[in-house]
Amino acid sequence: MWASGTPFTSAAYLKFGTTGAWLGSAATAIVNPTHGFWVSLAGNTSLVSVVDTLVVFGECAIGIALILGLATRFAGVMGTLLMVLLYVSNWSFANGPFNEQFMYGLGAVAIVMTGAGAYALDTVVAKLSIANRIPAVKYALG
């Protein structure tokens, strides 16, 4: 909840924050080729509530998992997916193709590739019998 008491909603971002920007484009120009999709998504209130839940839960879950070092590779994959969606929806190339979402996505890819460190909870969970029986669990942990 914001200070005004209204809950979070992504509808305004989907309508007005997805126009995109290009070098030398006017501030009112719509340059994002996917803008129509995001606006139509914003018009569907049931889907907006699903998107709102996924954004809030996803950001919190990814952050907590990475801080704790638990399911590190899975959190990295989900973080990469989130950054790709934000990169495509934002479509801001006014300062070049390497914006915040691109750089955060690269960081998430690095986490996927390297996994957790020696002091993460993944190393503790990896020693449990379930991780030894199911190889996918061990890989997802990092």
N, C-alpha and C. Protein backbone atom coordinates (compact mmCIF):
# COMPACT_ATOMS: atom_id res chain seq x y z
N MET A 1 0.83 -1.18 0.00
CA MET A 1 0.00 0.00 0.00
C MET A 1 0.88 1.25 0.00
N TRP A 2 0.46 2.19 -0.79
CA TRP A 2 1.13 3.48 -0.82
C TRP A 2 0.65 4.30 0.36
N ALA A 3 1.26 5.43 0.58
CA ALA A 3 0.89 6.30 1.69
C ALA A 3 -0.57 6.75 1.58
N SER A 4 -1.10 6.81 0.37
CA SER A 4 -2.49 7.24 0.18
C SER A 4 -3.48 6.14 0.53
N GLY A 5 -3.00 4.92 0.74
CA GLY A 5 -3.88 3.82 1.09
C GLY A 5 -4.38 3.03 -0.10
N THR A 6 -3.95 3.41 -1.29
CA THR A 6 -4.38 2.66 -2.47
C THR A 6 -3.37 1.55 -2.75
N PRO A 7 -3.86 0.38 -3.15
CA PRO A 7 -2.94 -0.73 -3.43
C PRO A 7 -2.16 -0.52 -4.73
N PHE A 8 -1.07 -1.26 -4.86
CA PHE A 8 -0.24 -1.20 -6.06
C PHE A 8 -1.02 -1.70 -7.26
N THR A 9 -0.85 -1.01 -8.38
CA THR A 9 -1.39 -1.49 -9.64
C THR A 9 -0.43 -1.12 -10.77
N SER A 10 -0.30 -2.03 -11.70
CA SER A 10 0.60 -1.81 -12.83
C SER A 10 -0.13 -1.21 -14.03
N ALA A 11 -1.41 -0.93 -13.90
CA ALA A 11 -2.21 -0.46 -15.03
C ALA A 11 -1.67 0.84 -15.62
N ALA A 12 -1.28 1.78 -14.79
CA ALA A 12 -0.77 3.06 -15.30
C ALA A 12 0.55 2.85 -16.05
N TYR A 13 1.43 2.01 -15.53
CA TYR A 13 2.68 1.72 -16.23
C TYR A 13 2.38 1.06 -17.57
N LEU A 14 1.47 0.10 -17.59
CA LEU A 14 1.16 -0.61 -18.82
C LEU A 14 0.57 0.32 -19.87
N LYS A 15 -0.21 1.30 -19.44
CA LYS A 15 -0.83 2.25 -20.39
C LYS A 15 0.14 3.33 -20.84
N PHE A 16 0.85 3.92 -19.88
CA PHE A 16 1.60 5.14 -20.19
C PHE A 16 3.12 4.97 -20.14
N GLY A 17 3.62 3.92 -19.54
CA GLY A 17 5.06 3.73 -19.41
C GLY A 17 5.65 2.81 -20.46
N THR A 18 4.85 2.38 -21.39
CA THR A 18 5.33 1.42 -22.39
C THR A 18 5.40 2.01 -23.79
N THR A 19 5.42 3.33 -23.88
CA THR A 19 5.47 3.97 -25.19
C THR A 19 6.84 3.84 -25.83
N GLY A 20 7.87 3.76 -25.01
CA GLY A 20 9.23 3.60 -25.51
C GLY A 20 9.87 4.92 -25.85
N ALA A 21 11.14 4.87 -26.13
CA ALA A 21 11.89 6.07 -26.51
C ALA A 21 13.00 5.66 -27.47
N TRP A 22 13.30 6.53 -28.39
CA TRP A 22 14.35 6.30 -29.37
C TRP A 22 15.19 7.55 -29.46
N LEU A 23 16.40 7.42 -29.94
CA LEU A 23 17.26 8.59 -30.10
C LEU A 23 16.57 9.63 -30.97
N GLY A 24 16.37 10.82 -30.43
CA GLY A 24 15.76 11.91 -31.18
C GLY A 24 14.27 11.84 -31.33
N SER A 25 13.59 10.86 -30.72
CA SER A 25 12.14 10.77 -30.86
C SER A 25 11.46 11.78 -29.93
N ALA A 26 10.30 12.22 -30.33
CA ALA A 26 9.53 13.14 -29.50
C ALA A 26 9.04 12.42 -28.26
N ALA A 27 8.85 13.16 -27.18
CA ALA A 27 8.42 12.55 -25.91
C ALA A 27 7.05 11.93 -26.03
N THR A 28 6.22 12.42 -26.96
CA THR A 28 4.86 11.89 -27.10
C THR A 28 4.76 10.77 -28.14
N ALA A 29 5.84 10.50 -28.84
CA ALA A 29 5.82 9.47 -29.89
C ALA A 29 5.79 8.07 -29.28
N ILE A 30 5.02 7.19 -29.89
CA ILE A 30 4.98 5.79 -29.47
C ILE A 30 5.90 5.02 -30.40
N VAL A 31 7.03 4.56 -29.87
CA VAL A 31 8.00 3.84 -30.68
C VAL A 31 8.10 2.36 -30.31
N ASN A 32 7.47 1.97 -29.23
CA ASN A 32 7.51 0.57 -28.80
C ASN A 32 6.55 -0.26 -29.66
N PRO A 33 7.05 -1.24 -30.41
CA PRO A 33 6.14 -2.04 -31.24
C PRO A 33 5.20 -2.93 -30.43
N THR A 34 5.49 -3.15 -29.16
CA THR A 34 4.63 -4.00 -28.32
C THR A 34 3.67 -3.16 -27.47
N HIS A 35 3.62 -1.86 -27.69
CA HIS A 35 2.80 -0.96 -26.88
C HIS A 35 1.33 -1.36 -26.88
N GLY A 36 0.80 -1.72 -28.03
CA GLY A 36 -0.61 -2.12 -28.12
C GLY A 36 -0.94 -3.31 -27.23
N PHE A 37 -0.03 -4.27 -27.16
CA PHE A 37 -0.24 -5.43 -26.29
C PHE A 37 -0.34 -5.03 -24.83
N TRP A 38 0.58 -4.16 -24.39
CA TRP A 38 0.59 -3.75 -22.98
C TRP A 38 -0.64 -2.92 -22.64
N VAL A 39 -1.09 -2.07 -23.57
CA VAL A 39 -2.30 -1.27 -23.34
C VAL A 39 -3.52 -2.18 -23.26
N SER A 40 -3.60 -3.17 -24.13
CA SER A 40 -4.73 -4.10 -24.07
C SER A 40 -4.70 -4.91 -22.77
N LEU A 41 -3.52 -5.24 -22.31
CA LEU A 41 -3.39 -5.94 -21.03
C LEU A 41 -3.87 -5.05 -19.89
N ALA A 42 -3.55 -3.76 -19.95
CA ALA A 42 -3.98 -2.83 -18.91
C ALA A 42 -5.49 -2.65 -18.89
N GLY A 43 -6.14 -2.85 -20.03
CA GLY A 43 -7.59 -2.72 -20.10
C GLY A 43 -8.35 -3.90 -19.51
N ASN A 44 -7.68 -5.00 -19.29
CA ASN A 44 -8.31 -6.20 -18.73
C ASN A 44 -8.04 -6.23 -17.23
N THR A 45 -9.03 -5.88 -16.42
CA THR A 45 -8.82 -5.75 -14.98
C THR A 45 -8.45 -7.08 -14.31
N SER A 46 -9.00 -8.20 -14.81
CA SER A 46 -8.63 -9.48 -14.18
C SER A 46 -7.18 -9.82 -14.44
N LEU A 47 -6.69 -9.56 -15.65
CA LEU A 47 -5.29 -9.83 -15.95
C LEU A 47 -4.36 -8.87 -15.22
N VAL A 48 -4.79 -7.62 -15.06
CA VAL A 48 -3.97 -6.65 -14.33
C VAL A 48 -3.78 -7.10 -12.89
N SER A 49 -4.82 -7.65 -12.28
CA SER A 49 -4.67 -8.12 -10.89
C SER A 49 -3.71 -9.30 -10.82
N VAL A 50 -3.71 -10.15 -11.84
CA VAL A 50 -2.75 -11.26 -11.89
C VAL A 50 -1.34 -10.72 -12.07
N VAL A 51 -1.17 -9.76 -12.98
CA VAL A 51 0.14 -9.15 -13.21
C VAL A 51 0.64 -8.47 -11.94
N ASP A 52 -0.25 -7.74 -11.27
CA ASP A 52 0.14 -7.06 -10.02
C ASP A 52 0.63 -8.06 -8.98
N THR A 53 -0.08 -9.16 -8.83
CA THR A 53 0.32 -10.18 -7.87
C THR A 53 1.66 -10.78 -8.25
N LEU A 54 1.84 -11.10 -9.54
CA LEU A 54 3.10 -11.69 -9.99
C LEU A 54 4.28 -10.75 -9.82
N VAL A 55 4.07 -9.47 -10.09
CA VAL A 55 5.17 -8.49 -9.96
C VAL A 55 5.59 -8.36 -8.50
N VAL A 56 4.63 -8.13 -7.62
CA VAL A 56 4.95 -7.94 -6.21
C VAL A 56 5.55 -9.21 -5.61
N PHE A 57 4.90 -10.34 -5.83
CA PHE A 57 5.41 -11.60 -5.29
C PHE A 57 6.76 -11.94 -5.91
N GLY A 58 6.89 -11.77 -7.22
CA GLY A 58 8.13 -12.10 -7.90
C GLY A 58 9.30 -11.27 -7.42
N GLU A 59 9.11 -9.96 -7.32
CA GLU A 59 10.21 -9.11 -6.86
C GLU A 59 10.64 -9.48 -5.44
N CYS A 60 9.66 -9.70 -4.56
CA CYS A 60 10.00 -10.06 -3.17
C CYS A 60 10.64 -11.44 -3.10
N ALA A 61 10.07 -12.42 -3.78
CA ALA A 61 10.59 -13.79 -3.71
C ALA A 61 11.99 -13.90 -4.31
N ILE A 62 12.21 -13.24 -5.45
CA ILE A 62 13.53 -13.27 -6.07
C ILE A 62 14.55 -12.61 -5.17
N GLY A 63 14.20 -11.46 -4.61
CA GLY A 63 15.12 -10.76 -3.72
C GLY A 63 15.46 -11.55 -2.48
N ILE A 64 14.46 -12.12 -1.84
CA ILE A 64 14.69 -12.91 -0.62
C ILE A 64 15.52 -14.15 -0.94
N ALA A 65 15.21 -14.82 -2.05
CA ALA A 65 15.97 -16.02 -2.43
C ALA A 65 17.43 -15.68 -2.68
N LEU A 66 17.69 -14.58 -3.35
CA LEU A 66 19.07 -14.20 -3.63
C LEU A 66 19.81 -13.75 -2.37
N ILE A 67 19.13 -13.06 -1.49
CA ILE A 67 19.76 -12.63 -0.23
C ILE A 67 20.13 -13.85 0.61
N LEU A 68 19.21 -14.81 0.70
CA LEU A 68 19.46 -16.01 1.50
C LEU A 68 20.36 -17.01 0.78
N GLY A 69 20.45 -16.91 -0.52
CA GLY A 69 21.21 -17.89 -1.28
C GLY A 69 20.48 -19.22 -1.35
N LEU A 70 19.17 -19.16 -1.51
CA LEU A 70 18.34 -20.36 -1.55
C LEU A 70 17.66 -20.44 -2.91
N ALA A 71 17.81 -21.56 -3.60
CA ALA A 71 17.30 -21.74 -4.96
C ALA A 71 17.86 -20.63 -5.85
N THR A 72 19.16 -20.45 -5.77
CA THR A 72 19.83 -19.33 -6.42
C THR A 72 19.67 -19.34 -7.92
N ARG A 73 19.89 -20.46 -8.54
CA ARG A 73 19.78 -20.51 -10.00
C ARG A 73 18.35 -20.29 -10.46
N PHE A 74 17.39 -20.85 -9.77
CA PHE A 74 15.99 -20.64 -10.12
C PHE A 74 15.63 -19.17 -9.96
N ALA A 75 16.07 -18.55 -8.88
CA ALA A 75 15.82 -17.12 -8.67
C ALA A 75 16.49 -16.29 -9.76
N GLY A 76 17.67 -16.71 -10.18
CA GLY A 76 18.36 -16.02 -11.27
C GLY A 76 17.60 -16.12 -12.59
N VAL A 77 17.05 -17.30 -12.87
CA VAL A 77 16.26 -17.48 -14.09
C VAL A 77 15.00 -16.60 -14.04
N MET A 78 14.33 -16.60 -12.89
CA MET A 78 13.12 -15.78 -12.76
C MET A 78 13.46 -14.28 -12.83
N GLY A 79 14.59 -13.90 -12.25
CA GLY A 79 15.04 -12.51 -12.34
C GLY A 79 15.35 -12.12 -13.77
N THR A 80 15.95 -13.03 -14.53
CA THR A 80 16.24 -12.78 -15.94
C THR A 80 14.94 -12.62 -16.72
N LEU A 81 13.98 -13.50 -16.46
CA LEU A 81 12.68 -13.41 -17.13
C LEU A 81 11.99 -12.08 -16.81
N LEU A 82 12.02 -11.67 -15.56
CA LEU A 82 11.41 -10.40 -15.16
C LEU A 82 12.09 -9.24 -15.87
N MET A 83 13.40 -9.25 -15.94
CA MET A 83 14.13 -8.16 -16.59
C MET A 83 13.89 -8.15 -18.10
N VAL A 84 13.75 -9.31 -18.73
CA VAL A 84 13.44 -9.36 -20.17
C VAL A 84 12.06 -8.75 -20.43
N LEU A 85 11.09 -9.10 -19.60
CA LEU A 85 9.75 -8.53 -19.76
C LEU A 85 9.75 -7.02 -19.55
N LEU A 86 10.48 -6.56 -18.55
CA LEU A 86 10.56 -5.11 -18.33
C LEU A 86 11.33 -4.41 -19.45
N TYR A 87 12.35 -5.04 -19.96
CA TYR A 87 13.14 -4.47 -21.06
C TYR A 87 12.27 -4.31 -22.31
N VAL A 88 11.50 -5.33 -22.63
CA VAL A 88 10.64 -5.27 -23.82
C VAL A 88 9.50 -4.27 -23.61
N SER A 89 8.91 -4.26 -22.43
CA SER A 89 7.80 -3.34 -22.20
C SER A 89 8.27 -1.89 -22.13
N ASN A 90 9.45 -1.65 -21.59
CA ASN A 90 9.98 -0.29 -21.46
C ASN A 90 10.46 0.24 -22.80
N TRP A 91 11.22 -0.54 -23.55
CA TRP A 91 11.69 -0.23 -24.90
C TRP A 91 12.32 1.16 -24.96
N SER A 92 13.20 1.45 -24.03
CA SER A 92 13.82 2.78 -23.97
C SER A 92 15.24 2.71 -24.53
N PHE A 93 15.41 3.25 -25.72
CA PHE A 93 16.72 3.28 -26.35
C PHE A 93 17.22 4.70 -26.54
N ALA A 94 16.68 5.65 -25.79
CA ALA A 94 17.10 7.05 -25.91
C ALA A 94 18.55 7.22 -25.50
N ASN A 95 19.04 6.38 -24.62
CA ASN A 95 20.43 6.44 -24.18
C ASN A 95 21.22 5.23 -24.67
N GLY A 96 20.73 4.56 -25.68
CA GLY A 96 21.38 3.36 -26.19
C GLY A 96 20.66 2.11 -25.72
N PRO A 97 21.10 0.95 -26.19
CA PRO A 97 20.38 -0.29 -25.86
C PRO A 97 20.67 -0.83 -24.46
N PHE A 98 21.67 -0.29 -23.79
CA PHE A 98 22.08 -0.86 -22.50
C PHE A 98 21.51 -0.05 -21.35
N ASN A 99 20.22 -0.26 -21.07
CA ASN A 99 19.57 0.45 -19.97
C ASN A 99 19.63 -0.38 -18.69
N GLU A 100 18.92 0.08 -17.66
CA GLU A 100 18.95 -0.59 -16.35
C GLU A 100 18.50 -2.04 -16.43
N GLN A 101 17.40 -2.28 -17.12
CA GLN A 101 16.87 -3.64 -17.19
C GLN A 101 17.86 -4.57 -17.88
N PHE A 102 18.54 -4.07 -18.90
CA PHE A 102 19.52 -4.89 -19.60
C PHE A 102 20.65 -5.28 -18.65
N MET A 103 21.16 -4.30 -17.90
CA MET A 103 22.28 -4.57 -17.00
C MET A 103 21.86 -5.50 -15.84
N TYR A 104 20.67 -5.28 -15.29
CA TYR A 104 20.18 -6.17 -14.23
C TYR A 104 19.97 -7.58 -14.77
N GLY A 105 19.49 -7.68 -16.01
CA GLY A 105 19.33 -8.98 -16.65
C GLY A 105 20.66 -9.69 -16.82
N LEU A 106 21.70 -8.95 -17.20
CA LEU A 106 23.04 -9.55 -17.30
C LEU A 106 23.52 -10.06 -15.94
N GLY A 107 23.23 -9.28 -14.91
CA GLY A 107 23.60 -9.73 -13.56
C GLY A 107 22.87 -11.00 -13.17
N ALA A 108 21.60 -11.08 -13.53
CA ALA A 108 20.82 -12.29 -13.23
C ALA A 108 21.35 -13.49 -14.02
N VAL A 109 21.75 -13.27 -15.26
CA VAL A 109 22.34 -14.35 -16.06
C VAL A 109 23.65 -14.82 -15.43
N ALA A 110 24.44 -13.89 -14.91
CA ALA A 110 25.69 -14.26 -14.24
C ALA A 110 25.40 -15.12 -13.01
N ILE A 111 24.34 -14.81 -12.28
CA ILE A 111 23.95 -15.61 -11.12
C ILE A 111 23.54 -17.01 -11.56
N VAL A 112 22.80 -17.09 -12.66
CA VAL A 112 22.38 -18.41 -13.17
C VAL A 112 23.61 -19.23 -13.53
N MET A 113 24.58 -18.60 -14.16
CA MET A 113 25.76 -19.33 -14.63
C MET A 113 26.69 -19.75 -13.49
N THR A 114 26.81 -18.91 -12.46
CA THR A 114 27.76 -19.21 -11.39
C THR A 114 27.14 -19.95 -10.22
N GLY A 115 25.87 -19.74 -9.95
CA GLY A 115 25.23 -20.39 -8.82
C GLY A 115 25.56 -19.70 -7.52
N ALA A 116 25.29 -20.36 -6.43
CA ALA A 116 25.49 -19.80 -5.10
C ALA A 116 26.92 -19.99 -4.64
N GLY A 117 27.29 -19.20 -3.68
CA GLY A 117 28.62 -19.33 -3.10
C GLY A 117 28.66 -20.37 -2.00
N ALA A 118 29.80 -20.50 -1.36
CA ALA A 118 30.00 -21.53 -0.34
C ALA A 118 29.19 -21.26 0.94
N TYR A 119 28.82 -20.00 1.18
CA TYR A 119 28.12 -19.66 2.42
C TYR A 119 26.62 -19.48 2.24
N ALA A 120 26.09 -19.94 1.14
CA ALA A 120 24.66 -19.82 0.87
C ALA A 120 23.91 -20.99 1.47
N LEU A 121 22.61 -20.81 1.63
CA LEU A 121 21.76 -21.90 2.13
C LEU A 121 21.67 -23.05 1.13
N ASP A 122 21.95 -22.76 -0.13
CA ASP A 122 21.94 -23.83 -1.14
C ASP A 122 22.92 -24.95 -0.79
N THR A 123 24.06 -24.60 -0.23
CA THR A 123 25.04 -25.63 0.12
C THR A 123 24.55 -26.53 1.24
N VAL A 124 23.76 -25.97 2.15
CA VAL A 124 23.19 -26.76 3.24
C VAL A 124 22.12 -27.70 2.69
N VAL A 125 21.23 -27.15 1.87
CA VAL A 125 20.14 -27.95 1.31
C VAL A 125 20.68 -29.01 0.35
N ALA A 126 21.76 -28.70 -0.36
CA ALA A 126 22.34 -29.65 -1.32
C ALA A 126 22.85 -30.91 -0.64
N LYS A 127 23.14 -30.83 0.65
CA LYS A 127 23.62 -32.00 1.39
C LYS A 127 22.48 -32.91 1.85
N LEU A 128 21.23 -32.45 1.73
CA LEU A 128 20.08 -33.26 2.13
C LEU A 128 19.86 -34.38 1.12
N SER A 129 19.17 -35.42 1.55
CA SER A 129 18.98 -36.60 0.70
C SER A 129 18.13 -36.31 -0.53
N ILE A 130 17.19 -35.39 -0.44
CA ILE A 130 16.34 -35.09 -1.61
C ILE A 130 17.16 -34.50 -2.75
N ALA A 131 18.16 -33.72 -2.42
CA ALA A 131 19.00 -33.13 -3.46
C ALA A 131 19.85 -34.19 -4.15
N ASN A 132 20.21 -35.22 -3.43
CA ASN A 132 20.99 -36.31 -4.02
C ASN A 132 20.14 -37.23 -4.90
N ARG A 133 18.84 -37.34 -4.55
CA ARG A 133 17.96 -38.21 -5.32
C ARG A 133 17.45 -37.55 -6.59
N ILE A 134 17.28 -36.22 -6.56
CA ILE A 134 16.74 -35.51 -7.72
C ILE A 134 17.78 -34.51 -8.21
N PRO A 135 18.48 -34.82 -9.31
CA PRO A 135 19.53 -33.95 -9.80
C PRO A 135 19.08 -32.54 -10.17
N ALA A 136 17.81 -32.40 -10.61
CA ALA A 136 17.30 -31.07 -10.99
C ALA A 136 17.25 -30.15 -9.78
N VAL A 137 16.95 -30.71 -8.60
CA VAL A 137 16.93 -29.91 -7.38
C VAL A 137 18.32 -29.38 -7.08
N LYS A 138 19.30 -30.23 -7.20
CA LYS A 138 20.68 -29.81 -6.92
C LYS A 138 21.12 -28.72 -7.89
N TYR A 139 20.73 -28.83 -9.16
CA TYR A 139 21.11 -27.81 -10.13
C TYR A 139 20.40 -26.50 -9.85
N ALA A 140 19.10 -26.57 -9.49
CA ALA A 140 18.34 -25.35 -9.20
C ALA A 140 18.88 -24.63 -7.98
N LEU A 141 19.42 -25.39 -7.06
CA LEU A 141 19.97 -24.77 -5.86
C LEU A 141 21.25 -23.99 -6.16
N GLY A 142 22.01 -24.45 -7.09
CA GLY A 142 23.25 -23.74 -7.42
C GLY A 142 24.41 -24.45 -6.84
